[in-house]
């Protein structure tokens, strides 16, 4: 807790993310010595975006063996464009590879259009 006023943070966070209710929104908090804070909201995790685009509850329990759904490559391409500012990738093509890996680890097949 580090002496941060949790209620003040929660109130600000809820106001800032009120348009995205029900979505996981990561946050990075910086706490200063005087117990004030700043925070930056990030984009939802790739797994969350994949689950929402497929309309599934969770990914597969055993990746590579059991599949939970399929996603078209064009639909998959929208996710890295959303997450590009938070991904550690230098280009959209590399970001797509990262999201494809996440999809495979969740048991999601990627199909061509």
N, C-alpha and C. Protein backbone atom coordinates (compact mmCIF):
# COMPACT_ATOMS: atom_id res chain seq x y z
N UNK A 1 0.83 -1.18 0.00
CA UNK A 1 0.00 0.00 0.00
C UNK A 1 0.88 1.25 0.00
N UNK A 2 1.96 1.27 0.70
CA UNK A 2 2.92 2.37 0.69
C UNK A 2 2.31 3.72 1.05
N UNK A 3 1.28 3.72 1.87
CA UNK A 3 0.68 4.96 2.33
C UNK A 3 -0.17 5.69 1.31
N UNK A 4 -0.52 5.02 0.23
CA UNK A 4 -1.33 5.65 -0.81
C UNK A 4 -2.80 5.62 -0.39
N UNK A 5 -3.51 6.68 -0.67
CA UNK A 5 -4.94 6.72 -0.40
C UNK A 5 -5.63 5.86 -1.46
N UNK A 6 -5.92 4.62 -1.09
CA UNK A 6 -6.48 3.65 -2.04
C UNK A 6 -7.84 4.11 -2.57
N UNK A 7 -8.65 4.68 -1.72
CA UNK A 7 -9.98 5.13 -2.17
C UNK A 7 -9.86 6.21 -3.25
N UNK A 8 -8.90 7.11 -3.11
CA UNK A 8 -8.71 8.15 -4.12
C UNK A 8 -8.28 7.52 -5.45
N UNK A 9 -7.37 6.54 -5.37
CA UNK A 9 -6.93 5.86 -6.59
C UNK A 9 -8.09 5.13 -7.26
N UNK A 10 -8.84 4.36 -6.47
CA UNK A 10 -9.95 3.57 -7.03
C UNK A 10 -10.98 4.49 -7.68
N UNK A 11 -11.28 5.61 -7.04
CA UNK A 11 -12.26 6.55 -7.60
C UNK A 11 -11.78 7.10 -8.95
N UNK A 12 -10.52 7.55 -9.01
CA UNK A 12 -9.96 8.07 -10.26
C UNK A 12 -9.91 6.99 -11.34
N UNK A 13 -9.46 5.80 -10.95
CA UNK A 13 -9.34 4.68 -11.90
C UNK A 13 -10.71 4.32 -12.46
N UNK A 14 -11.71 4.23 -11.60
CA UNK A 14 -13.07 3.90 -12.06
C UNK A 14 -13.63 4.97 -13.00
N UNK A 15 -13.34 6.23 -12.71
CA UNK A 15 -13.80 7.31 -13.60
C UNK A 15 -13.14 7.21 -14.96
N UNK A 16 -11.84 6.95 -14.96
CA UNK A 16 -11.09 6.89 -16.22
C UNK A 16 -11.47 5.68 -17.07
N UNK A 17 -11.83 4.58 -16.43
CA UNK A 17 -12.13 3.35 -17.16
C UNK A 17 -13.62 3.04 -17.20
N UNK A 18 -14.47 4.01 -16.92
CA UNK A 18 -15.91 3.75 -16.86
C UNK A 18 -16.49 3.29 -18.20
N UNK A 19 -15.86 3.65 -19.30
CA UNK A 19 -16.37 3.22 -20.61
C UNK A 19 -15.99 1.78 -20.93
N UNK A 20 -15.13 1.17 -20.13
CA UNK A 20 -14.66 -0.19 -20.40
C UNK A 20 -15.02 -1.14 -19.25
N UNK A 21 -16.20 -1.01 -18.72
CA UNK A 21 -16.63 -1.85 -17.61
C UNK A 21 -16.62 -3.32 -18.04
N UNK A 22 -16.08 -4.18 -17.20
CA UNK A 22 -16.03 -5.61 -17.49
C UNK A 22 -14.77 -6.04 -18.21
N UNK A 23 -13.92 -5.10 -18.57
CA UNK A 23 -12.66 -5.40 -19.26
C UNK A 23 -11.51 -5.23 -18.29
N UNK A 24 -10.54 -6.13 -18.36
CA UNK A 24 -9.35 -6.01 -17.53
C UNK A 24 -8.49 -4.89 -18.09
N UNK A 25 -8.20 -3.90 -17.25
CA UNK A 25 -7.38 -2.76 -17.66
C UNK A 25 -6.16 -2.70 -16.73
N UNK A 26 -4.98 -3.10 -17.21
CA UNK A 26 -3.78 -3.00 -16.36
C UNK A 26 -3.43 -1.54 -16.10
N UNK A 27 -2.76 -1.32 -14.99
CA UNK A 27 -2.38 0.04 -14.62
C UNK A 27 -0.97 0.01 -14.03
N UNK A 28 -0.20 1.05 -14.31
CA UNK A 28 1.13 1.20 -13.73
C UNK A 28 1.10 2.42 -12.83
N UNK A 29 1.33 2.18 -11.52
CA UNK A 29 1.23 3.25 -10.53
C UNK A 29 2.64 3.69 -10.11
N UNK A 30 2.85 4.99 -10.04
CA UNK A 30 4.09 5.55 -9.51
C UNK A 30 3.74 6.30 -8.23
N UNK A 31 4.37 5.88 -7.12
CA UNK A 31 4.11 6.50 -5.82
C UNK A 31 5.32 7.35 -5.44
N UNK A 32 5.07 8.57 -5.04
CA UNK A 32 6.14 9.49 -4.66
C UNK A 32 6.32 9.50 -3.15
N UNK A 33 7.43 10.09 -2.69
CA UNK A 33 7.74 10.10 -1.26
C UNK A 33 6.68 10.81 -0.43
N UNK A 34 6.02 11.80 -0.99
CA UNK A 34 4.98 12.51 -0.24
C UNK A 34 3.64 11.77 -0.29
N UNK A 35 3.65 10.54 -0.74
CA UNK A 35 2.49 9.63 -0.83
C UNK A 35 1.50 10.03 -1.91
N UNK A 36 1.86 10.96 -2.75
CA UNK A 36 1.02 11.25 -3.91
C UNK A 36 1.36 10.21 -4.97
N UNK A 37 0.54 10.12 -5.98
CA UNK A 37 0.76 9.10 -7.00
C UNK A 37 0.28 9.56 -8.36
N UNK A 38 0.82 8.92 -9.36
CA UNK A 38 0.33 9.07 -10.73
C UNK A 38 0.16 7.66 -11.27
N UNK A 39 -0.65 7.52 -12.28
CA UNK A 39 -0.80 6.20 -12.87
C UNK A 39 -1.10 6.31 -14.35
N UNK A 40 -0.76 5.25 -15.05
CA UNK A 40 -0.97 5.16 -16.49
C UNK A 40 -1.75 3.88 -16.75
N UNK A 41 -2.88 4.00 -17.44
CA UNK A 41 -3.63 2.80 -17.80
C UNK A 41 -3.06 2.25 -19.10
N UNK A 42 -3.03 0.94 -19.20
CA UNK A 42 -2.51 0.24 -20.37
C UNK A 42 -3.68 -0.33 -21.16
N UNK A 43 -3.37 -0.92 -22.30
CA UNK A 43 -4.41 -1.60 -23.08
C UNK A 43 -4.67 -2.96 -22.45
N UNK A 44 -5.86 -3.52 -22.66
CA UNK A 44 -6.16 -4.83 -22.09
C UNK A 44 -5.17 -5.89 -22.59
N UNK A 45 -4.94 -6.95 -21.81
CA UNK A 45 -4.04 -8.02 -22.25
C UNK A 45 -4.53 -8.64 -23.56
N UNK A 46 -3.58 -9.16 -24.33
CA UNK A 46 -3.92 -9.78 -25.62
C UNK A 46 -4.90 -10.93 -25.42
N UNK A 47 -4.72 -11.69 -24.36
CA UNK A 47 -5.63 -12.82 -24.11
C UNK A 47 -7.06 -12.33 -23.89
N UNK A 48 -7.21 -11.21 -23.21
CA UNK A 48 -8.54 -10.63 -22.98
C UNK A 48 -9.17 -10.20 -24.31
N UNK A 49 -8.39 -9.55 -25.16
CA UNK A 49 -8.91 -9.11 -26.46
C UNK A 49 -9.27 -10.30 -27.35
N UNK A 50 -8.45 -11.36 -27.30
CA UNK A 50 -8.75 -12.57 -28.07
C UNK A 50 -10.03 -13.23 -27.56
N UNK A 51 -10.17 -13.34 -26.25
CA UNK A 51 -11.37 -13.96 -25.68
C UNK A 51 -12.62 -13.17 -26.06
N UNK A 52 -12.54 -11.84 -25.99
CA UNK A 52 -13.71 -11.02 -26.34
C UNK A 52 -14.05 -11.13 -27.82
N UNK A 53 -13.04 -11.18 -28.69
CA UNK A 53 -13.33 -11.26 -30.12
C UNK A 53 -13.94 -12.60 -30.49
N UNK A 54 -13.61 -13.65 -29.73
CA UNK A 54 -14.18 -14.98 -29.99
C UNK A 54 -15.44 -15.24 -29.16
N UNK A 55 -15.66 -14.45 -28.13
CA UNK A 55 -16.82 -14.66 -27.27
C UNK A 55 -16.70 -15.91 -26.41
N UNK A 56 -15.49 -16.20 -25.92
CA UNK A 56 -15.28 -17.38 -25.08
C UNK A 56 -14.95 -16.94 -23.66
N UNK A 57 -15.19 -17.84 -22.71
CA UNK A 57 -14.93 -17.55 -21.30
C UNK A 57 -13.45 -17.58 -20.97
N UNK A 58 -12.75 -18.63 -21.46
CA UNK A 58 -11.33 -18.77 -21.16
C UNK A 58 -10.66 -19.57 -22.26
N UNK A 59 -9.34 -19.54 -22.26
CA UNK A 59 -8.57 -20.28 -23.25
C UNK A 59 -8.55 -21.76 -22.94
N UNK A 60 -7.93 -22.53 -23.81
CA UNK A 60 -7.85 -23.98 -23.63
C UNK A 60 -6.92 -24.36 -22.50
N UNK A 61 -7.21 -25.48 -21.86
CA UNK A 61 -6.40 -25.94 -20.74
C UNK A 61 -5.08 -26.55 -21.22
N UNK A 62 -5.10 -27.19 -22.38
CA UNK A 62 -3.88 -27.81 -22.90
C UNK A 62 -3.62 -27.28 -24.31
N UNK A 63 -2.77 -26.29 -24.38
CA UNK A 63 -2.47 -25.65 -25.67
C UNK A 63 -1.83 -26.64 -26.62
N UNK A 64 -2.23 -26.58 -27.87
CA UNK A 64 -1.67 -27.48 -28.87
C UNK A 64 -2.47 -28.75 -29.03
N UNK A 65 -3.24 -29.13 -28.03
CA UNK A 65 -4.04 -30.36 -28.10
C UNK A 65 -5.52 -30.06 -28.23
N UNK A 66 -6.02 -29.23 -27.36
CA UNK A 66 -7.45 -28.90 -27.38
C UNK A 66 -7.62 -27.48 -27.91
N UNK A 67 -8.56 -27.31 -28.83
CA UNK A 67 -8.82 -25.97 -29.35
C UNK A 67 -10.14 -25.45 -28.80
N UNK A 68 -10.18 -24.16 -28.57
CA UNK A 68 -11.40 -23.55 -28.05
C UNK A 68 -12.11 -22.72 -29.10
N UNK A 69 -11.46 -22.51 -30.24
CA UNK A 69 -12.08 -21.73 -31.30
C UNK A 69 -11.09 -21.39 -32.38
N UNK A 70 -11.57 -20.68 -33.38
CA UNK A 70 -10.73 -20.24 -34.49
C UNK A 70 -10.95 -18.75 -34.73
N UNK A 71 -9.91 -18.10 -35.18
CA UNK A 71 -10.00 -16.67 -35.49
C UNK A 71 -9.40 -16.45 -36.87
N UNK A 72 -10.04 -15.61 -37.65
CA UNK A 72 -9.52 -15.29 -38.98
C UNK A 72 -8.34 -14.33 -38.84
N UNK A 73 -7.42 -14.44 -39.77
CA UNK A 73 -6.22 -13.62 -39.72
C UNK A 73 -6.54 -12.12 -39.76
N UNK A 74 -7.59 -11.72 -40.50
CA UNK A 74 -7.94 -10.29 -40.55
C UNK A 74 -8.46 -9.81 -39.20
N UNK A 75 -9.22 -10.65 -38.50
CA UNK A 75 -9.70 -10.28 -37.16
C UNK A 75 -8.54 -10.22 -36.18
N UNK A 76 -7.59 -11.14 -36.34
CA UNK A 76 -6.42 -11.17 -35.47
C UNK A 76 -5.57 -9.92 -35.68
N UNK A 77 -5.52 -9.41 -36.89
CA UNK A 77 -4.70 -8.25 -37.24
C UNK A 77 -5.15 -6.98 -36.50
N UNK A 78 -6.42 -6.91 -36.10
CA UNK A 78 -6.93 -5.73 -35.39
C UNK A 78 -6.36 -5.62 -33.98
N UNK A 79 -6.06 -6.75 -33.35
CA UNK A 79 -5.60 -6.75 -31.96
C UNK A 79 -4.23 -6.09 -31.81
N UNK A 80 -3.21 -6.45 -32.61
CA UNK A 80 -1.92 -5.77 -32.45
C UNK A 80 -1.99 -4.27 -32.76
N UNK A 81 -2.90 -3.87 -33.63
CA UNK A 81 -3.05 -2.44 -33.91
C UNK A 81 -3.55 -1.71 -32.66
N UNK A 82 -4.40 -2.38 -31.88
CA UNK A 82 -4.90 -1.82 -30.62
C UNK A 82 -3.80 -1.78 -29.57
N UNK A 83 -3.00 -2.85 -29.49
CA UNK A 83 -2.02 -3.01 -28.43
C UNK A 83 -0.63 -2.48 -28.77
N UNK A 84 -0.43 -1.95 -29.95
CA UNK A 84 0.91 -1.61 -30.42
C UNK A 84 1.70 -0.73 -29.45
N UNK A 85 1.05 0.22 -28.80
CA UNK A 85 1.80 1.11 -27.90
C UNK A 85 2.31 0.40 -26.65
N UNK A 86 1.69 -0.73 -26.27
CA UNK A 86 2.12 -1.46 -25.08
C UNK A 86 2.98 -2.68 -25.39
N UNK A 87 3.06 -3.06 -26.66
CA UNK A 87 3.84 -4.24 -27.02
C UNK A 87 5.30 -3.86 -27.23
N UNK A 88 6.17 -4.83 -26.98
CA UNK A 88 7.59 -4.64 -27.19
C UNK A 88 7.94 -5.10 -28.60
N UNK A 89 7.39 -4.43 -29.60
CA UNK A 89 7.61 -4.80 -30.99
C UNK A 89 7.90 -3.55 -31.80
N UNK A 90 8.78 -3.69 -32.78
CA UNK A 90 9.17 -2.54 -33.58
C UNK A 90 8.28 -2.32 -34.80
N UNK A 91 7.50 -3.33 -35.16
CA UNK A 91 6.61 -3.19 -36.32
C UNK A 91 5.31 -3.94 -36.07
N UNK A 92 4.32 -3.64 -36.88
CA UNK A 92 3.02 -4.31 -36.75
C UNK A 92 3.16 -5.80 -37.07
N UNK A 93 4.01 -6.15 -38.05
CA UNK A 93 4.20 -7.56 -38.39
C UNK A 93 4.76 -8.35 -37.21
N UNK A 94 5.71 -7.77 -36.49
CA UNK A 94 6.26 -8.45 -35.31
C UNK A 94 5.22 -8.53 -34.20
N UNK A 95 4.41 -7.50 -34.07
CA UNK A 95 3.34 -7.52 -33.07
C UNK A 95 2.32 -8.61 -33.40
N UNK A 96 2.03 -8.80 -34.68
CA UNK A 96 1.10 -9.86 -35.09
C UNK A 96 1.65 -11.22 -34.67
N UNK A 97 2.95 -11.43 -34.82
CA UNK A 97 3.57 -12.70 -34.42
C UNK A 97 3.39 -12.92 -32.91
N UNK A 98 3.53 -11.87 -32.13
CA UNK A 98 3.35 -11.98 -30.68
C UNK A 98 1.92 -12.40 -30.36
N UNK A 99 0.94 -11.76 -31.00
CA UNK A 99 -0.46 -12.07 -30.75
C UNK A 99 -0.80 -13.47 -31.25
N UNK A 100 -0.21 -13.89 -32.37
CA UNK A 100 -0.42 -15.25 -32.87
C UNK A 100 0.07 -16.27 -31.84
N UNK A 101 1.22 -16.00 -31.23
CA UNK A 101 1.75 -16.89 -30.20
C UNK A 101 0.82 -16.97 -29.00
N UNK A 102 0.27 -15.85 -28.60
CA UNK A 102 -0.69 -15.84 -27.49
C UNK A 102 -1.92 -16.65 -27.85
N UNK A 103 -2.41 -16.48 -29.08
CA UNK A 103 -3.59 -17.23 -29.53
C UNK A 103 -3.31 -18.73 -29.51
N UNK A 104 -2.16 -19.13 -30.02
CA UNK A 104 -1.82 -20.57 -30.04
C UNK A 104 -1.72 -21.12 -28.62
N UNK A 105 -1.14 -20.35 -27.70
CA UNK A 105 -1.00 -20.84 -26.33
C UNK A 105 -2.35 -20.93 -25.62
N UNK A 106 -3.35 -20.22 -26.14
CA UNK A 106 -4.70 -20.29 -25.57
C UNK A 106 -5.54 -21.38 -26.22
N UNK A 107 -5.00 -22.06 -27.23
CA UNK A 107 -5.76 -23.09 -27.92
C UNK A 107 -6.66 -22.53 -29.00
N UNK A 108 -6.28 -21.41 -29.58
CA UNK A 108 -7.07 -20.78 -30.65
C UNK A 108 -6.36 -21.01 -31.98
N UNK A 109 -7.08 -21.57 -32.94
CA UNK A 109 -6.53 -21.77 -34.28
C UNK A 109 -6.64 -20.49 -35.07
N UNK A 110 -5.64 -20.23 -35.90
CA UNK A 110 -5.64 -19.07 -36.78
C UNK A 110 -5.90 -19.58 -38.19
N UNK A 111 -6.98 -19.10 -38.80
CA UNK A 111 -7.35 -19.57 -40.14
C UNK A 111 -7.19 -18.43 -41.13
N UNK A 112 -6.84 -18.79 -42.35
CA UNK A 112 -6.72 -17.80 -43.42
C UNK A 112 -8.12 -17.37 -43.85
N UNK A 113 -8.22 -16.18 -44.42
CA UNK A 113 -9.52 -15.66 -44.86
C UNK A 113 -9.97 -16.32 -46.13
